[in-house]
Amino acid sequence: MQASNKPLSCKLTTPEIQERKKTVIAALKSQIREKRELENGYSYQFEGSDSTLDMLTSFIKTERLCCDFFDFTIHVNNEGFTWLDITGPEGTKDFIISELEL
């Protein structure tokens, strides 16, 4: 993995961040079935429905604009689950815990 020089900070204002935590991130958080720690981030399991997939892609579309150091991977399998990996450079795991509270 190549090192990134991007600062680990969100581009949203404090009120925007707080609103996002209360709405989008809270909805995401309420649907997490399992969380796994990865070397450079976390993996989250969700049900495998189309509505969940839509929610995850919507989350990614907005999150990548405010936190452009994240890398996102969605895994869809035939077991009825969808996994979202959020990874990035050193410090990403701490950022996910402290800022996204996931």
C-alpha atoms as a PDB file:
ATOM      1  CA  MET A   1       0.000   0.000   0.000  1.00  0.00           C
ATOM      2  CA  GLN A   2       1.313   3.388  -0.939  1.00  0.00           C
ATOM      3  CA  ALA A   3       1.614   6.023   1.792  1.00  0.00           C
ATOM      4  CA  SER A   4      -0.748   8.941   1.514  1.00  0.00           C
ATOM      5  CA  ASN A   5       0.087  12.550   2.232  1.00  0.00           C
ATOM      6  CA  LYS A   6      -3.578  13.508   2.635  1.00  0.00           C
ATOM      7  CA  PRO A   7      -4.410  14.850   6.085  1.00  0.00           C
ATOM      8  CA  LEU A   8      -6.860  12.765   8.081  1.00  0.00           C
ATOM      9  CA  SER A   9      -9.545  15.372   8.520  1.00  0.00           C
ATOM     10  CA  CYS A  10     -13.138  15.840   7.528  1.00  0.00           C
ATOM     11  CA  LYS A  11     -13.950  18.722   5.212  1.00  0.00           C
ATOM     12  CA  LEU A  12     -17.359  19.314   6.806  1.00  0.00           C
ATOM     13  CA  THR A  13     -17.982  22.060   9.347  1.00  0.00           C
ATOM     14  CA  THR A  14     -18.667  21.058  12.953  1.00  0.00           C
ATOM     15  CA  PRO A  15     -22.463  21.581  12.625  1.00  0.00           C
ATOM     16  CA  GLU A  16     -22.462  19.555   9.372  1.00  0.00           C
ATOM     17  CA  ILE A  17     -20.519  16.742  11.052  1.00  0.00           C
ATOM     18  CA  GLN A  18     -22.912  16.697  14.013  1.00  0.00           C
ATOM     19  CA  GLU A  19     -25.953  16.570  11.703  1.00  0.00           C
ATOM     20  CA  ARG A  20     -24.369  13.757   9.675  1.00  0.00           C
ATOM     21  CA  LYS A  21     -23.704  11.755  12.855  1.00  0.00           C
ATOM     22  CA  LYS A  22     -27.339  12.170  13.916  1.00  0.00           C
ATOM     23  CA  THR A  23     -28.791  11.121  10.576  1.00  0.00           C
ATOM     24  CA  VAL A  24     -26.749   9.235   7.973  1.00  0.00           C
ATOM     25  CA  ILE A  25     -24.167   7.668  10.280  1.00  0.00           C
ATOM     26  CA  ALA A  26     -26.775   6.791  12.931  1.00  0.00           C
ATOM     27  CA  ALA A  27     -28.855   4.969  10.288  1.00  0.00           C
ATOM     28  CA  LEU A  28     -25.765   3.117   9.092  1.00  0.00           C
ATOM     29  CA  LYS A  29     -24.708   2.255  12.633  1.00  0.00           C
ATOM     30  CA  SER A  30     -28.134   0.851  13.532  1.00  0.00           C
ATOM     31  CA  GLN A  31     -27.881  -1.705  10.726  1.00  0.00           C
ATOM     32  CA  ILE A  32     -24.387  -3.078  11.460  1.00  0.00           C
ATOM     33  CA  ARG A  33     -24.591  -6.809  12.242  1.00  0.00           C
ATOM     34  CA  GLU A  34     -20.893  -7.431  12.846  1.00  0.00           C
ATOM     35  CA  LYS A  35     -17.679  -5.414  12.939  1.00  0.00           C
ATOM     36  CA  ARG A  36     -14.209  -6.770  12.168  1.00  0.00           C
ATOM     37  CA  GLU A  37     -10.929  -5.003  12.675  1.00  0.00           C
ATOM     38  CA  LEU A  38      -8.654  -4.886   9.641  1.00  0.00           C
ATOM     39  CA  GLU A  39      -4.989  -3.929   9.490  1.00  0.00           C
ATOM     40  CA  ASN A  40      -5.810  -0.476   8.143  1.00  0.00           C
ATOM     41  CA  GLY A  41      -9.506   0.021   9.022  1.00  0.00           C
ATOM     42  CA  TYR A  42     -12.700  -1.887   9.738  1.00  0.00           C
ATOM     43  CA  SER A  43     -15.144  -4.168   7.960  1.00  0.00           C
ATOM     44  CA  TYR A  44     -18.862  -3.974   8.734  1.00  0.00           C
ATOM     45  CA  GLN A  45     -21.472  -6.606   7.970  1.00  0.00           C
ATOM     46  CA  PHE A  46     -24.992  -5.654   6.897  1.00  0.00           C
ATOM     47  CA  GLU A  47     -27.966  -7.572   5.554  1.00  0.00           C
ATOM     48  CA  GLY A  48     -27.691  -8.165   1.834  1.00  0.00           C
ATOM     49  CA  SER A  49     -30.859  -6.404   0.660  1.00  0.00           C
ATOM     50  CA  ASP A  50     -31.007  -3.954  -2.231  1.00  0.00           C
ATOM     51  CA  SER A  51     -32.080  -1.171   0.141  1.00  0.00           C
ATOM     52  CA  THR A  52     -28.997  -1.783   2.295  1.00  0.00           C
ATOM     53  CA  LEU A  53     -26.788  -1.718  -0.779  1.00  0.00           C
ATOM     54  CA  ASP A  54     -28.405   1.578  -1.826  1.00  0.00           C
ATOM     55  CA  MET A  55     -27.799   3.023   1.653  1.00  0.00           C
ATOM     56  CA  LEU A  56     -24.135   1.965   1.582  1.00  0.00           C
ATOM     57  CA  THR A  57     -23.480   3.426  -1.862  1.00  0.00           C
ATOM     58  CA  SER A  58     -25.174   6.676  -0.828  1.00  0.00           C
ATOM     59  CA  PHE A  59     -22.988   6.781   2.297  1.00  0.00           C
ATOM     60  CA  ILE A  60     -19.858   6.220   0.214  1.00  0.00           C
ATOM     61  CA  LYS A  61     -20.799   8.905  -2.328  1.00  0.00           C
ATOM     62  CA  THR A  62     -21.018  11.573   0.341  1.00  0.00           C
ATOM     63  CA  GLU A  63     -18.279  10.314   2.657  1.00  0.00           C
ATOM     64  CA  ARG A  64     -15.631  10.249  -0.049  1.00  0.00           C
ATOM     65  CA  LEU A  65     -16.174  13.983  -0.606  1.00  0.00           C
ATOM     66  CA  CYS A  66     -15.621  14.971   3.005  1.00  0.00           C
ATOM     67  CA  CYS A  67     -13.061  12.298   3.967  1.00  0.00           C
ATOM     68  CA  ASP A  68     -11.115  11.703   0.762  1.00  0.00           C
ATOM     69  CA  PHE A  69      -8.426   9.624   2.486  1.00  0.00           C
ATOM     70  CA  PHE A  70     -10.841   6.693   2.973  1.00  0.00           C
ATOM     71  CA  ASP A  71     -10.860   3.679   0.684  1.00  0.00           C
ATOM     72  CA  PHE A  72     -14.200   1.852   0.446  1.00  0.00           C
ATOM     73  CA  THR A  73     -14.899  -1.702  -0.641  1.00  0.00           C
ATOM     74  CA  ILE A  74     -18.307  -3.356  -0.787  1.00  0.00           C
ATOM     75  CA  HIS A  75     -18.458  -7.156  -0.789  1.00  0.00           C
ATOM     76  CA  VAL A  76     -21.761  -8.730  -1.809  1.00  0.00           C
ATOM     77  CA  ASN A  77     -22.028 -12.478  -1.393  1.00  0.00           C
ATOM     78  CA  ASN A  78     -24.606 -15.198  -1.887  1.00  0.00           C
ATOM     79  CA  GLU A  79     -24.950 -15.795   1.857  1.00  0.00           C
ATOM     80  CA  GLY A  80     -27.302 -12.840   2.259  1.00  0.00           C
ATOM     81  CA  PHE A  81     -24.767 -10.402   3.651  1.00  0.00           C
ATOM     82  CA  THR A  82     -23.048  -7.283   2.415  1.00  0.00           C
ATOM     83  CA  TRP A  83     -19.752  -6.139   3.866  1.00  0.00           C
ATOM     84  CA  LEU A  84     -18.432  -2.581   3.795  1.00  0.00           C
ATOM     85  CA  ASP A  85     -14.705  -2.092   4.339  1.00  0.00           C
ATOM     86  CA  ILE A  86     -13.500   1.375   5.298  1.00  0.00           C
ATOM     87  CA  THR A  87      -9.714   1.553   5.147  1.00  0.00           C
ATOM     88  CA  GLY A  88      -6.994   4.100   4.603  1.00  0.00           C
ATOM     89  CA  PRO A  89      -3.569   5.312   5.681  1.00  0.00           C
ATOM     90  CA  GLU A  90      -2.130   5.162   9.180  1.00  0.00           C
ATOM     91  CA  GLY A  91      -4.492   6.790  11.653  1.00  0.00           C
ATOM     92  CA  THR A  92      -7.645   5.747   9.788  1.00  0.00           C
ATOM     93  CA  LYS A  93      -8.838   3.331  12.479  1.00  0.00           C
ATOM     94  CA  ASP A  94      -8.595   6.005  15.169  1.00  0.00           C
ATOM     95  CA  PHE A  95     -10.419   8.476  12.906  1.00  0.00           C
ATOM     96  CA  ILE A  96     -13.254   5.993  12.273  1.00  0.00           C
ATOM     97  CA  ILE A  97     -13.686   5.447  16.018  1.00  0.00           C
ATOM     98  CA  SER A  98     -13.414   9.085  17.099  1.00  0.00           C
ATOM     99  CA  GLU A  99     -15.058  10.952  14.215  1.00  0.00           C
ATOM    100  CA  LEU A 100     -17.529   8.510  12.677  1.00  0.00           C
ATOM    101  CA  GLU A 101     -18.111   6.700  15.977  1.00  0.00           C
ATOM    102  CA  LEU A 102     -18.408   3.395  14.105  1.00  0.00           C
END
